[in-house]
Protein backbone atom coordinates (compact mmCIF):
# COMPACT_ATOMS: atom_id res chain seq x y z
CA MET A 1 35.18 -29.63 30.00
CA SER A 2 38.24 -28.11 30.99
CA LYS A 3 38.62 -25.19 33.38
CA ARG A 4 40.23 -23.23 30.40
CA SER A 5 37.25 -24.00 28.29
CA LYS A 6 34.71 -22.86 31.54
CA GLY A 7 36.49 -19.76 31.78
CA ILE A 8 36.43 -19.00 28.06
CA ASN A 9 32.61 -19.67 28.15
CA ASN A 10 32.17 -17.57 31.48
CA LYS A 11 33.93 -14.70 29.96
CA LYS A 12 31.42 -14.70 27.13
CA THR A 13 28.61 -14.77 29.21
CA THR A 14 29.79 -11.99 31.06
CA GLU A 15 30.65 -10.06 28.05
CA MET A 16 26.90 -10.77 26.69
CA GLN A 17 25.47 -9.65 29.93
CA VAL A 18 27.34 -6.24 29.61
CA LYS A 19 26.31 -5.63 26.18
CA ARG A 20 22.57 -6.62 26.99
CA MET A 21 22.96 -4.13 29.79
CA ASN A 22 24.49 -1.32 27.91
CA LYS A 23 22.02 -1.60 25.30
CA VAL A 24 19.06 -1.32 27.80
CA ASN A 25 20.63 1.58 29.42
CA ARG A 26 21.32 3.51 25.91
CA ASN A 27 17.73 3.08 25.10
CA LYS A 28 17.01 4.20 28.64
CA HIS A 29 18.92 7.43 27.92
CA TYR A 30 17.54 7.79 24.32
CA ILE A 31 13.68 7.51 25.69
CA ASN A 32 14.72 10.08 28.73
CA TYR A 33 16.22 12.20 26.23
CA PHE A 34 13.27 12.33 23.99
CA ALA A 35 10.88 12.76 26.77
CA ALA A 36 12.39 15.87 27.92
CA LEU A 37 12.29 17.26 24.62
CA LEU A 38 8.68 16.86 24.33
CA LEU A 39 7.96 18.28 27.85
CA PHE A 40 10.34 21.39 26.81
CA GLY A 41 8.38 21.66 23.38
CA SER A 42 5.09 22.05 25.39
CA ASN A 43 6.68 25.32 27.33
CA GLY A 44 5.36 27.67 24.99
CA PHE A 45 1.65 26.37 25.08
CA VAL A 46 1.83 26.47 29.02
CA ALA A 47 3.53 29.70 29.04
CA GLU A 48 0.90 31.62 26.54
CA LYS A 49 -1.77 30.83 29.03
CA ILE A 50 0.02 32.47 32.02
CA SER A 51 -1.09 35.98 32.51
CA MET A 52 2.55 36.94 33.82
CA ASP A 53 5.37 39.03 32.38
CA SER A 54 8.42 36.54 30.94
CA TYR A 55 10.80 36.99 33.53
CA GLY A 56 8.00 36.07 36.01
CA ILE A 57 7.53 32.65 34.13
CA VAL A 58 11.22 31.89 34.00
CA PHE A 59 11.44 32.89 37.84
CA TRP A 60 8.65 30.68 38.75
CA ARG A 61 9.46 27.96 36.78
CA VAL A 62 12.84 27.49 38.15
CA ALA A 63 11.66 28.19 41.51
CA VAL A 64 9.10 25.74 41.63
CA GLY A 65 11.34 23.34 39.39
CA LEU A 66 13.70 23.26 42.32
CA ALA A 67 11.53 22.79 44.77
CA ALA A 68 10.22 19.67 42.99
CA ILE A 69 13.42 18.03 42.79
CA LEU A 70 14.20 18.77 46.38
CA ILE A 71 10.97 17.09 47.46
CA ILE A 72 12.00 13.80 45.21
CA LEU A 73 15.54 13.87 47.09
CA PHE A 74 13.80 14.03 50.49
CA ILE A 75 11.49 11.09 49.49
CA LYS A 76 14.33 8.99 48.05
CA ARG A 77 16.12 9.47 51.20
CA ARG A 78 13.52 8.30 53.50
CA GLN A 79 12.55 5.23 51.36
CA ASP A 80 15.51 3.28 50.73
CA GLN A 81 19.64 3.89 51.74
CA LYS A 82 20.34 2.86 48.08
CA GLU A 83 18.18 5.14 46.61
CA GLN A 84 19.70 8.03 48.67
CA LYS A 85 23.17 6.91 47.68
CA ALA A 86 21.82 6.96 43.70
CA ALA A 87 20.16 10.36 44.30
CA VAL A 88 22.78 12.09 46.27
CA SER A 89 25.95 11.72 44.84
CA LEU A 90 27.36 14.87 45.62
CA ARG A 91 30.20 13.50 48.24
CA ARG A 92 31.90 11.36 45.63
CA ALA A 93 31.84 14.21 42.93
CA CYS A 94 34.69 16.32 41.90
CA HIS A 95 34.43 19.85 43.21
CA ARG A 96 35.56 21.20 40.10
CA HIS A 97 32.64 19.15 37.93
CA ILE A 98 30.18 20.54 40.58
CA ALA A 99 31.20 24.27 39.97
CA TYR A 100 30.76 23.42 36.05
CA ASN A 101 27.15 21.96 36.78
CA TYR A 102 26.58 25.37 38.85
CA ILE A 103 27.95 27.55 35.88
CA SER A 104 25.92 25.52 33.63
CA GLY A 105 22.46 26.27 35.31
CA ALA A 106 23.46 29.79 35.99
CA ALA A 107 24.08 30.12 31.86
CA GLN A 108 20.72 28.13 31.62
CA GLY A 109 19.07 30.87 33.50
CA ILE A 110 20.53 33.47 31.76
CA SER A 111 19.51 31.74 28.11
CA TRP A 112 15.90 31.57 29.17
CA LEU A 113 15.82 35.04 30.32
CA PHE A 114 16.79 36.16 27.30
CA LEU A 115 14.95 33.84 24.96
CA PHE A 116 11.40 34.79 26.63
CA GLU A 117 12.27 38.45 26.05
CA ALA A 118 13.10 37.70 22.72
CA TYR A 119 9.65 36.00 21.93
CA SER A 120 7.68 39.29 22.91
CA ARG A 121 10.41 41.52 20.82
CA ALA A 122 11.18 39.19 17.49
CA GLY A 123 8.56 36.66 17.78
CA VAL A 124 8.55 32.93 18.61
CA GLY A 125 9.68 31.48 15.33
CA LEU A 126 12.31 33.65 14.41
CA SER A 127 13.38 33.47 18.32
CA THR A 128 13.19 29.87 18.27
CA LEU A 129 15.53 29.68 15.16
CA ILE A 130 18.32 31.82 16.28
CA TYR A 131 18.16 29.99 19.58
CA TYR A 132 18.58 26.80 18.24
CA PHE A 133 21.61 27.79 16.73
CA GLY A 134 23.24 27.20 20.12
CA PRO A 135 23.19 23.33 19.30
CA ALA A 136 25.16 24.07 16.00
CA LEU A 137 27.67 26.02 18.05
CA VAL A 138 28.47 23.26 20.45
CA MET A 139 28.69 20.74 17.58
CA ALA A 140 31.46 23.21 16.00
CA LEU A 141 33.43 23.31 19.07
CA SER A 142 33.15 19.45 19.78
CA PRO A 143 36.12 18.23 18.12
CA LEU A 144 38.27 20.81 20.12
CA VAL A 145 36.39 21.19 23.56
CA PHE A 146 35.36 17.30 24.08
CA LYS A 147 37.76 15.72 21.26
CA GLU A 148 35.18 14.14 19.32
CA SER A 149 35.53 13.33 15.83
CA PHE A 150 33.22 15.23 13.35
CA THR A 151 32.59 12.69 10.45
CA GLY A 152 30.96 13.05 6.73
CA LYS A 153 27.96 11.28 8.06
CA LYS A 154 27.52 13.91 11.15
CA ALA A 155 28.32 16.83 9.08
CA VAL A 156 25.17 15.59 6.32
CA CYS A 157 22.87 14.82 9.23
CA PHE A 158 23.40 17.95 10.93
CA ALA A 159 22.92 20.06 7.57
CA ALA A 160 19.62 18.00 7.09
CA VAL A 161 18.63 18.96 10.43
CA LEU A 162 19.45 22.63 9.81
CA CYS A 163 17.60 23.05 6.78
CA GLY A 164 14.66 21.41 8.34
CA MET A 165 14.92 23.90 10.87
CA LEU A 166 14.65 26.79 8.28
CA LEU A 167 11.77 25.34 6.37
CA VAL A 168 9.87 24.71 9.43
CA ASN A 169 10.22 28.52 10.80
CA LYS A 170 10.03 29.87 7.33
CA GLN A 171 6.08 30.80 7.46
CA SER A 172 6.25 31.47 10.94
CA GLY A 173 5.56 35.29 12.14
CA SER A 174 8.68 37.02 12.71
CA GLY A 175 9.57 40.41 13.99
CA ASN A 176 12.36 42.71 13.02
CA ASP A 177 13.15 44.08 16.25
CA PHE A 178 16.81 44.45 16.25
CA THR A 179 17.14 43.97 19.94
CA GLY A 180 14.97 40.96 19.98
CA ILE A 181 17.10 39.27 17.22
CA LEU A 182 20.13 40.31 19.36
CA PHE A 183 18.30 38.79 22.74
CA ALA A 184 17.67 35.22 20.86
CA ALA A 185 21.29 35.28 19.79
CA ILE A 186 22.77 36.11 23.23
CA SER A 187 20.37 33.10 24.30
CA ALA A 188 21.77 30.96 21.83
CA VAL A 189 24.97 31.50 23.43
CA PHE A 190 24.27 30.76 26.84
CA PHE A 191 22.48 27.82 25.65
CA ALA A 192 25.51 26.62 24.09
CA LEU A 193 27.58 27.26 27.37
CA MET A 194 25.19 25.21 29.34
CA MET A 195 25.50 22.50 27.39
CA ILE A 196 29.57 22.48 27.28
CA PHE A 197 29.46 23.01 31.13
CA ASN A 198 27.09 20.35 31.87
CA LYS A 199 28.83 17.82 29.76
CA LYS A 200 32.08 18.62 31.36
CA ALA A 201 30.60 17.66 34.92
CA THR A 202 30.78 14.24 34.30
CA SER A 203 30.68 12.97 38.00
CA VAL A 204 27.42 14.97 38.82
CA THR A 205 24.58 12.51 37.80
CA GLY A 206 21.32 12.02 37.79
CA ILE A 207 18.99 14.24 40.24
CA SER A 208 21.91 15.65 41.60
CA ASN A 209 22.80 17.08 38.30
CA ALA A 210 19.12 18.65 37.79
CA MET A 211 19.65 19.89 41.50
CA ILE A 212 22.58 21.91 41.10
CA GLN A 213 21.54 23.19 37.69
CA LEU A 214 18.70 24.80 39.06
CA ALA A 215 20.19 26.20 41.64
CA GLY A 216 22.31 27.89 39.54
CA ALA A 217 19.81 29.27 37.55
CA LEU A 218 17.54 30.52 40.42
CA PRO A 219 19.60 33.30 41.67
CA VAL A 220 20.08 34.54 38.08
CA THR A 221 16.49 34.74 37.68
CA LEU A 222 15.76 36.21 40.92
CA ILE A 223 18.11 38.90 40.45
CA PHE A 224 16.43 39.56 37.15
CA ALA A 225 13.19 39.55 38.62
CA VAL A 226 14.06 42.41 41.38
CA PHE A 227 15.69 44.59 38.68
CA LYS A 228 12.60 44.22 36.71
CA GLY A 229 10.73 45.89 39.78
CA GLY A 230 9.99 42.58 41.85
CA ILE A 231 9.00 39.12 42.05
CA PRO A 232 5.36 38.83 40.24
CA VAL A 233 2.65 36.61 41.97
CA PRO A 234 -0.05 34.37 40.23
CA GLN A 235 -3.42 36.53 39.80
CA SER A 236 -5.65 33.65 39.49
CA MET A 237 -5.88 29.99 40.51
CA GLU A 238 -5.37 28.75 36.71
CA ASP A 239 -1.68 30.49 36.66
CA PHE A 240 -0.71 29.16 39.99
CA PHE A 241 -2.00 25.69 38.51
CA LEU A 242 0.09 26.50 35.10
CA ILE A 243 2.97 27.56 37.40
CA ILE A 244 2.95 24.50 39.08
CA ILE A 245 2.99 22.30 35.65
CA ILE A 246 5.43 24.30 33.98
CA GLY A 247 7.72 24.19 37.05
CA ALA A 248 7.49 20.77 38.52
CA VAL A 249 6.90 18.84 35.32
CA ASN A 250 8.04 20.43 32.77
CA THR A 251 11.08 22.05 34.45
CA GLY A 252 11.49 19.92 37.16
CA LEU A 253 11.26 16.41 35.91
CA GLY A 254 11.96 17.70 32.47
CA MET A 255 15.55 18.96 33.85
CA PHE A 256 15.92 15.46 35.62
CA LEU A 257 15.41 13.59 32.39
CA TYR A 258 17.40 16.13 29.84
CA LEU A 259 20.40 16.23 32.23
CA SER A 260 20.56 12.74 33.39
CA SER A 261 20.76 11.49 29.54
CA LEU A 262 22.87 14.37 28.47
CA GLY A 263 25.81 13.24 30.60
CA GLN A 264 25.39 9.75 28.60
CA LEU A 265 25.15 11.03 25.02
CA SER A 266 27.90 12.41 22.77
CA ILE A 267 27.41 16.10 22.81
CA GLN A 268 27.04 15.80 18.38
CA THR A 269 24.32 13.23 19.25
CA ALA A 270 22.57 15.86 21.87
CA SER A 271 22.84 18.72 19.80
CA VAL A 272 21.32 16.90 16.55
CA CYS A 273 18.25 15.37 18.54
CA GLY A 274 17.69 18.43 20.51
CA TYR A 275 16.02 19.91 17.36
CA ILE A 276 13.15 17.49 18.05
CA GLU A 277 12.16 20.18 20.94
CA PRO A 278 11.10 23.00 18.41
CA LEU A 279 9.65 20.09 16.13
CA SER A 280 7.56 18.99 18.96
CA ALA A 281 6.70 22.47 19.93
CA LEU A 282 5.25 22.87 16.37
CA GLY A 283 3.22 20.00 16.57
CA PHE A 284 1.48 21.08 19.85
CA SER A 285 0.56 23.92 18.46
CA VAL A 286 -1.05 22.51 15.54
CA VAL A 287 -2.61 19.94 18.00
CA LEU A 288 -3.21 22.14 21.11
CA LEU A 289 -3.57 25.53 19.62
CA GLY A 290 -5.41 24.81 16.46
CA GLU A 291 -2.55 26.49 14.04
CA SER A 292 -2.23 25.11 10.61
CA MET A 293 1.04 23.39 9.46
CA LEU A 294 1.69 24.19 6.00
CA PRO A 295 3.31 21.56 3.32
CA ILE A 296 6.71 23.38 3.56
CA GLN A 297 6.91 23.10 7.32
CA MET A 298 6.01 19.04 7.04
CA LEU A 299 8.93 18.87 4.85
CA GLY A 300 11.10 20.38 7.17
CA GLY A 301 9.85 18.40 10.35
CA ALA A 302 10.48 15.22 7.96
CA MET A 303 14.04 16.69 7.76
CA ILE A 304 14.54 17.17 11.31
CA LEU A 305 13.20 13.50 11.87
CA ALA A 306 15.50 11.88 9.40
CA GLY A 307 18.33 13.64 10.13
CA ALA A 308 17.96 12.73 14.01
CA LEU A 309 16.98 8.92 13.12
CA PHE A 310 20.06 8.67 10.46
CA MET A 311 22.30 10.15 12.95
CA GLU A 312 21.68 6.94 15.46
CA MET A 313 21.70 4.21 13.49
CA SER A 314 24.89 3.45 14.29
CA PRO A 315 24.75 2.48 18.23
CA LYS A 316 28.14 3.92 18.62
CA ASN A 317 26.91 7.11 18.40
CA LEU A 318 24.32 7.21 21.02
CA LEU A 319 26.72 7.16 24.14
CA GLY A 320 29.73 8.57 22.43
CA ALA A 321 32.78 8.27 25.18
CA VAL A 322 31.02 7.18 28.14
CA PRO A 323 32.90 6.86 31.25
CA GLU A 324 33.44 3.55 32.55
CA HIS A 325 31.87 3.92 36.12
CA VAL A 326 28.30 4.81 34.27
CA LYS A 327 28.07 2.36 31.88
CA LEU A 328 26.55 -0.25 33.78
CA ARG A 329 24.37 2.03 35.94
């Protein structure tokens, strides 16, 4: 075999290995993203069991989540130098991207505060429906902000998901409190800002992303808690345990999985598939709270799943434009 033939074979082997690794990473990001959405979907069930005002729950979930992330970073740093480099990559990150990440965290904190306030004023169903127009706003802006093409297939999938969301929430209890509706709308806008700024922080990845995100959310929630009369404390061991769960697991682990995947997904994919979260919240309410699920809600859930799955039938849509330096991680 000639040197040229060997070179061609080696090149083909390398390309096959790269494609295989990209496929594995693509599946990993996909699984992590959906795992995070399922964790977020259980937030309502956990929060309902905590005897504390909404702003207190938001503050403690951010504070405990940040503490959990810092503990993970400390453990990784002591275990292995390679793990340390993978976990703490801030020295290589662009300062502008760190600022984007921090702004994204502040927007996340504001979004959560307004959303939890909307729950108590306008009802969970209506507030959730309005809140999840945030991804719709991001998807509409993606051709301008991220230069992502908006194809007919994506439009059909997104329309199916939005219609499914309307059906899922059609029978949910909803209030007519104008302030609650306004709070939910504000929450949706800040949700969109969170996604946009985090997506722009391309050089801040993995657990560092989650750490800065929660560090940006903490001052916002702290100031709001102080403004409302002070930081509430758990009144029972059950409250303490549930705060640890919603903070360390649902927020700390959930944000790590969510943000480490969000940076590798196209913003349109993230917007469409993000509707799995409210669908999972409905599922948890049926399984854990014994609530009934009407046929029209089942149809809506099927439309959400069908739209998200059809969106991902083409592998090229999953990662979108992924920087070369992260494709093989």
